Protein backbone atom coordinates (compact mmCIF):
# COMPACT_ATOMS: atom_id res chain seq x y z
CA MET A 1 77.62 94.59 84.47
CA ALA A 2 74.50 94.48 86.44
CA GLN A 3 73.25 97.28 88.46
CA LEU A 4 73.88 96.46 92.33
CA LYS A 5 72.04 97.75 95.11
CA PHE A 6 74.32 99.21 97.87
CA GLY A 7 73.78 99.37 101.65
CA VAL A 8 75.97 101.68 103.43
CA ILE A 9 76.61 102.12 106.92
CA GLY A 10 78.09 105.28 107.91
CA HIS A 11 76.33 107.21 104.87
CA LYS A 12 76.43 110.55 106.51
CA GLY A 13 80.01 110.30 107.39
CA ARG A 14 82.92 111.73 104.73
CA MET A 15 83.55 108.31 103.31
CA GLY A 16 80.06 107.64 103.00
CA GLN A 17 79.17 110.75 100.81
CA ALA A 18 82.08 109.91 98.70
CA LEU A 19 80.76 106.52 98.87
CA GLU A 20 77.54 107.65 97.22
CA THR A 21 78.76 109.55 94.62
CA ALA A 22 81.03 106.97 93.61
CA ILE A 23 78.12 104.62 93.42
CA ALA A 24 76.26 106.69 91.06
CA GLU A 25 79.42 107.17 88.95
CA ALA A 26 79.90 103.25 88.58
CA GLY A 27 76.18 103.26 87.57
CA HIS A 28 74.98 101.16 90.55
CA GLU A 29 72.07 102.14 93.36
CA LEU A 30 71.95 103.43 96.95
CA CYS A 31 69.06 101.58 98.07
CA VAL A 32 70.06 101.97 101.90
CA GLY A 33 71.78 104.29 103.97
CA VAL A 34 72.29 104.10 107.98
CA ASP A 35 74.10 106.05 110.33
CA ALA A 36 74.54 106.06 114.13
CA GLY A 37 71.09 105.25 115.82
CA GLY A 38 69.97 103.25 112.78
CA ASP A 39 70.15 99.59 112.22
CA ILE A 40 71.16 97.96 108.96
CA GLY A 41 69.60 94.83 110.11
CA PRO A 42 65.66 94.88 108.87
CA LEU A 43 67.28 96.50 105.68
CA ALA A 44 70.29 94.21 104.56
CA VAL A 45 68.04 92.30 102.92
CA GLN A 46 67.11 94.80 100.48
CA CYS A 47 70.64 95.28 99.61
CA ASP A 48 72.79 93.45 97.11
CA VAL A 49 76.16 94.16 99.01
CA LEU A 50 76.70 96.09 102.35
CA VAL A 51 79.55 98.55 102.62
CA ASP A 52 80.54 99.43 106.24
CA PHE A 53 82.78 102.63 107.24
CA SER A 54 81.28 103.54 110.51
CA ALA A 55 82.66 102.61 113.80
CA PRO A 56 84.47 99.62 115.53
CA ASP A 57 81.84 99.38 118.11
CA ALA A 58 79.17 98.84 115.49
CA LEU A 59 80.99 96.22 113.30
CA GLU A 60 80.08 92.92 115.63
CA HIS A 61 76.18 94.31 114.96
CA ASN A 62 76.82 95.34 111.43
CA LEU A 63 78.97 91.73 110.33
CA LYS A 64 75.39 89.81 112.00
CA ALA A 65 73.23 91.60 109.79
CA ALA A 66 75.19 90.91 106.72
CA ARG A 67 75.15 86.94 107.74
CA VAL A 68 71.66 86.84 108.92
CA ALA A 69 70.54 88.68 105.24
CA GLY A 70 72.98 86.45 103.46
CA LYS A 71 74.78 89.38 101.69
CA PRO A 72 78.47 90.06 101.06
CA ILE A 73 80.25 92.98 103.19
CA VAL A 74 82.83 95.44 102.36
CA VAL A 75 84.54 96.64 105.82
CA GLY A 76 86.60 100.01 105.48
CA THR A 77 85.96 101.09 109.22
CA THR A 78 89.52 101.73 110.91
CA GLY A 79 90.79 101.57 114.61
CA LEU A 80 90.03 97.56 114.56
CA GLY A 81 91.66 95.53 117.17
CA GLU A 82 92.37 91.53 117.86
CA THR A 83 88.77 91.12 118.81
CA HIS A 84 87.21 92.88 115.47
CA PHE A 85 89.43 90.91 113.16
CA ALA A 86 88.26 87.41 115.12
CA GLN A 87 84.38 88.76 114.23
CA LEU A 88 85.49 89.10 110.67
CA ASP A 89 86.87 85.63 110.42
CA ALA A 90 83.56 84.08 112.06
CA ALA A 91 81.46 86.21 109.76
CA ALA A 92 83.49 85.01 106.75
CA ARG A 93 82.46 81.73 107.43
CA ALA A 94 79.12 82.52 106.35
CA VAL A 95 79.43 85.21 103.71
CA PRO A 96 82.06 86.98 101.86
CA VAL A 97 83.91 89.60 103.70
CA LEU A 98 86.74 92.20 102.27
CA GLN A 99 88.11 94.27 104.77
CA SER A 100 91.31 96.73 104.57
CA GLY A 101 92.48 99.67 106.14
CA ASN A 102 92.76 101.12 102.45
CA PHE A 103 90.88 100.68 99.47
CA SER A 104 93.10 102.61 96.99
CA LEU A 105 94.36 100.43 94.18
CA GLY A 106 97.76 102.67 94.81
CA VAL A 107 97.90 101.84 98.39
CA THR A 108 97.34 98.05 97.77
CA LEU A 109 100.20 98.20 95.14
CA LEU A 110 102.43 99.97 97.42
CA ALA A 111 101.93 97.58 100.24
CA HIS A 112 102.84 94.70 97.55
CA LEU A 113 106.13 96.41 96.50
CA VAL A 114 107.15 96.98 100.49
CA ARG A 115 106.59 93.24 101.06
CA GLU A 116 109.03 92.61 98.48
CA ALA A 117 111.65 95.20 99.80
CA ALA A 118 111.44 93.62 103.13
CA SER A 119 111.81 90.43 102.09
CA ARG A 120 114.66 91.20 100.07
CA LEU A 121 116.86 93.86 102.66
CA GLY A 122 118.38 92.71 105.70
CA THR A 123 117.85 93.89 108.86
CA ASP A 124 120.63 96.44 108.69
CA TRP A 125 117.69 98.40 106.70
CA ASP A 126 115.90 100.22 109.27
CA ILE A 127 112.37 100.50 108.24
CA GLU A 128 109.80 103.63 109.20
CA VAL A 129 106.29 104.13 108.12
CA LEU A 130 105.38 107.93 108.12
CA GLU A 131 102.11 109.39 107.56
CA MET A 132 100.15 112.46 107.78
CA HIS A 133 96.16 112.92 107.47
CA HIS A 134 93.68 115.77 107.86
CA ARG A 135 93.46 117.61 111.60
CA MET A 136 90.12 115.65 111.94
CA LYS A 137 91.63 112.07 111.92
CA VAL A 138 91.07 110.24 115.27
CA ASP A 139 92.94 106.96 115.18
CA ALA A 140 96.67 106.87 114.89
CA PRO A 141 98.66 105.35 113.09
CA SER A 142 96.25 105.34 110.38
CA GLY A 143 94.91 101.93 109.21
CA THR A 144 96.84 102.27 105.84
CA ALA A 145 100.01 103.11 107.90
CA LYS A 146 99.40 99.83 109.95
CA LEU A 147 98.44 98.00 106.66
CA LEU A 148 101.84 98.99 105.17
CA GLY A 149 103.80 98.07 108.77
CA GLU A 150 102.05 94.56 108.28
CA ALA A 151 103.34 94.18 104.91
CA ALA A 152 106.99 95.08 105.94
CA ALA A 153 106.42 92.71 108.88
CA GLU A 154 105.24 89.85 106.36
CA GLY A 155 108.41 90.39 103.89
CA ARG A 156 110.58 89.78 107.01
CA GLY A 157 108.39 87.01 108.31
CA ILE A 158 108.31 88.47 112.06
CA ASP A 159 105.31 89.82 113.89
CA LEU A 160 104.45 93.21 113.67
CA ALA A 161 102.69 93.65 117.08
CA ALA A 162 106.28 92.37 118.82
CA ASN A 163 108.65 94.42 116.52
CA MET A 164 106.40 98.12 116.37
CA GLU A 165 108.19 101.23 117.45
CA SER A 166 105.63 104.41 118.02
CA GLY A 167 105.21 107.63 119.97
CA ARG A 168 109.07 107.96 120.46
CA HIS A 169 109.71 110.64 123.22
CA GLY A 170 112.35 111.72 125.52
CA MET A 171 115.68 109.71 125.75
CA THR A 172 114.37 106.55 124.11
CA GLY A 173 117.79 104.90 123.38
CA ALA A 174 119.14 103.41 120.29
CA ARG A 175 116.67 102.14 117.47
CA THR A 176 116.47 98.33 117.93
CA GLU A 177 117.63 96.53 114.71
CA GLY A 178 114.90 95.05 112.92
CA ALA A 179 111.93 97.02 114.91
CA ILE A 180 109.41 98.58 112.58
CA GLY A 181 109.05 102.66 113.53
CA PHE A 182 106.00 104.54 113.35
CA ALA A 183 105.51 108.40 112.88
CA THR A 184 102.11 110.16 112.68
CA LEU A 185 101.47 113.63 111.52
CA ARG A 186 98.10 115.55 111.59
CA GLY A 187 97.08 118.65 110.20
CA GLY A 188 95.13 120.85 107.68
CA THR A 189 93.23 118.94 105.13
CA VAL A 190 95.45 115.85 104.17
CA ALA A 191 93.50 113.32 102.50
CA GLY A 192 96.67 110.88 103.32
CA GLU A 193 100.15 110.57 102.58
CA HIS A 194 102.08 107.43 103.32
CA SER A 195 106.13 106.60 103.03
CA VAL A 196 107.64 103.64 103.93
CA ILE A 197 111.42 104.25 104.47
CA PHE A 198 114.26 101.75 104.10
CA ALA A 199 117.09 103.26 105.75
CA GLY A 200 120.28 101.49 104.67
CA PRO A 201 124.36 101.77 105.40
CA GLU A 202 124.79 105.19 103.45
CA GLU A 203 121.83 104.92 101.43
CA ARG A 204 117.81 105.05 101.48
CA LEU A 205 114.86 103.98 99.96
CA THR A 206 111.40 105.44 99.96
CA LEU A 207 108.21 104.04 98.56
CA SER A 208 105.36 106.81 98.63
CA HIS A 209 102.06 107.19 98.10
CA SER A 210 99.83 110.43 98.10
CA ALA A 211 95.72 110.89 98.32
CA GLU A 212 94.52 113.48 96.35
CA SER A 213 90.85 113.05 97.22
CA ARG A 214 89.28 110.48 99.00
CA MET A 215 87.23 109.47 96.12
CA ILE A 216 90.00 107.37 95.22
CA PHE A 217 89.21 105.19 98.30
CA ALA A 218 85.26 105.56 97.65
CA ARG A 219 85.87 104.59 94.19
CA GLY A 220 88.19 101.13 95.36
CA ALA A 221 85.64 100.29 97.96
CA VAL A 222 82.81 100.37 94.99
CA LYS A 223 85.31 98.61 93.23
CA ALA A 224 86.06 95.84 95.81
CA ALA A 225 82.22 95.60 96.67
CA VAL A 226 81.38 94.94 92.76
CA TRP A 227 84.18 92.35 92.72
CA LEU A 228 83.11 90.57 96.22
CA ALA A 229 79.26 89.69 94.82
CA GLY A 230 78.94 86.67 94.06
CA ARG A 231 81.94 85.13 95.24
CA PRO A 232 81.45 82.47 98.04
CA ALA A 233 81.72 82.59 101.63
CA GLY A 234 85.13 83.52 102.80
CA ARG A 235 87.98 86.26 103.73
CA TYR A 236 89.13 88.34 101.13
CA THR A 237 91.42 91.29 100.76
CA MET A 238 92.21 94.09 97.95
CA ASN A 239 95.27 92.09 96.91
CA ASP A 240 92.68 89.65 95.77
CA LEU A 241 91.05 92.01 93.84
CA LEU A 242 94.12 92.72 92.00
CA GLY A 243 95.42 89.31 91.91
CA LEU A 244 98.62 89.86 93.90
């Protein structure tokens, strides 16, 4: 495998530092690292692949830099909205783009299992997505929780946004049949805990994943970047990486 030169956007953050370690572990080179106030644009041409774990408001600029330089880009920034997804789609018409809310291979497989379970269990099985992260995490639900909720919604052939319940408080009334619920916990130094609970009549199925270190996400992002390099322009996911 040829050595690749990585450009990391959000280099000084927790994930950026983990990425630097994972890049070296895999035998590749960190050639460029930029952070808030820095500009990947003039530097992107030096890289073989870009990895963005920065902030949602920087995404449009970072995607433009990838397009101008003609470089593939892996996006792990969380807290994205519909406008950002449209920007990803637009960039993917010019360069390879792989975006995910979680780069763990285990979580990717978990989402596949959630999709399968949701497609086979009826709406009399309630779905709840439970997640816990460290106290410093700023977005909720997490990108991974949304990824799992989307997998459940896809399995049922419904739109998540129209069937999502979160932030219950007070007299909320009975649970809506077919809704996908979200519960968020924050505290300590938890790297990431996710469970999808299928609660049926007198039985319950729980599919779970525990992250023991953010290195699993960094290593997954590096694997994704290596896989993405040399692919044609298009929008890719971790499912493509695993052949799911």
